[in-house]
Amino acid sequence: MHLDQLIITLKHRREELGVTQEQLADLSGVGLRTLKALESKKGNPTLVTLNKLADVLGMEVKLVVKNIEL
């Protein structure tokens, strides 16, 4: 899943649960400005940020890395 689609999915889940951006920011510890930037596709979140948001929304973020040569 691409980052844009992931952000859309998180936003839809937030809306399904009836959680405001302000509430999600407070519950997740992610700044409101950061959350608003993400939802307007202007941000570049870290995996930690995505995980914090997903956790509050009852979701899980998984990272799959393919074709790694060691």
Protein backbone atom coordinates (compact mmCIF):
# COMPACT_ATOMS: atom_id res chain seq x y z
CA MET A 1 0.00 0.00 0.00
CA HIS A 2 1.36 3.40 -0.90
CA LEU A 3 1.66 6.15 1.68
CA ASP A 4 -1.20 8.20 0.20
CA GLN A 5 -3.54 5.23 0.41
CA LEU A 6 -2.43 4.50 3.96
CA ILE A 7 -3.21 8.08 5.02
CA ILE A 8 -6.63 7.90 3.33
CA THR A 9 -7.34 4.63 5.14
CA LEU A 10 -6.38 6.13 8.52
CA LYS A 11 -8.56 9.20 7.86
CA HIS A 12 -11.56 7.07 6.86
CA ARG A 13 -11.14 4.94 9.98
CA ARG A 14 -10.97 8.08 12.14
CA GLU A 15 -14.17 9.35 10.55
CA GLU A 16 -15.91 5.95 10.89
CA LEU A 17 -15.19 6.02 14.61
CA GLY A 18 -16.44 9.60 14.93
CA VAL A 19 -13.08 10.79 16.24
CA THR A 20 -12.08 14.38 15.53
CA GLN A 21 -8.58 15.35 14.48
CA GLU A 22 -8.15 17.04 17.85
CA GLN A 23 -9.17 13.90 19.73
CA LEU A 24 -6.88 11.68 17.67
CA ALA A 25 -3.98 14.06 18.20
CA ASP A 26 -4.56 14.04 21.96
CA LEU A 27 -5.01 10.28 22.22
CA SER A 28 -2.06 9.39 20.00
CA GLY A 29 0.43 12.01 21.15
CA VAL A 30 0.82 13.20 17.55
CA GLY A 31 0.67 16.96 17.14
CA LEU A 32 -2.53 18.39 15.67
CA ARG A 33 -0.54 20.34 13.09
CA THR A 34 1.22 17.11 12.04
CA LEU A 35 -2.06 15.22 11.79
CA LYS A 36 -3.69 17.96 9.70
CA ALA A 37 -0.68 18.04 7.38
CA LEU A 38 -0.84 14.27 6.93
CA GLU A 39 -4.53 14.23 6.15
CA SER A 40 -4.04 16.99 3.58
CA LYS A 41 -1.20 14.94 2.03
CA LYS A 42 1.41 17.55 2.89
CA GLY A 43 3.26 15.59 5.53
CA ASN A 44 5.91 12.91 5.49
CA PRO A 45 5.23 10.79 8.57
CA THR A 46 7.65 8.49 10.30
CA LEU A 47 6.71 4.88 10.95
CA VAL A 48 6.47 5.76 14.64
CA THR A 49 3.88 8.46 13.89
CA LEU A 50 1.86 6.14 11.65
CA ASN A 51 1.96 3.44 14.30
CA LYS A 52 0.76 5.83 17.03
CA LEU A 53 -2.22 6.88 14.91
CA ALA A 54 -3.06 3.34 13.83
CA ASP A 55 -2.87 2.06 17.39
CA VAL A 56 -5.46 4.54 18.63
CA LEU A 57 -7.69 3.68 15.67
CA GLY A 58 -7.47 -0.05 16.38
CA MET A 59 -5.32 -0.72 13.33
CA GLU A 60 -1.86 -2.12 12.73
CA VAL A 61 0.88 -0.87 10.43
CA LYS A 62 3.12 -3.53 8.94
CA LEU A 63 6.24 -2.89 6.94
CA VAL A 64 7.15 -5.43 4.29
CA VAL A 65 10.55 -5.16 2.68
CA LYS A 66 11.18 -7.20 -0.47
CA ASN A 67 14.24 -8.02 -2.52
CA ILE A 68 16.86 -7.29 0.11
CA GLU A 69 20.36 -8.50 -0.63
CA LEU A 70 22.63 -8.91 2.35
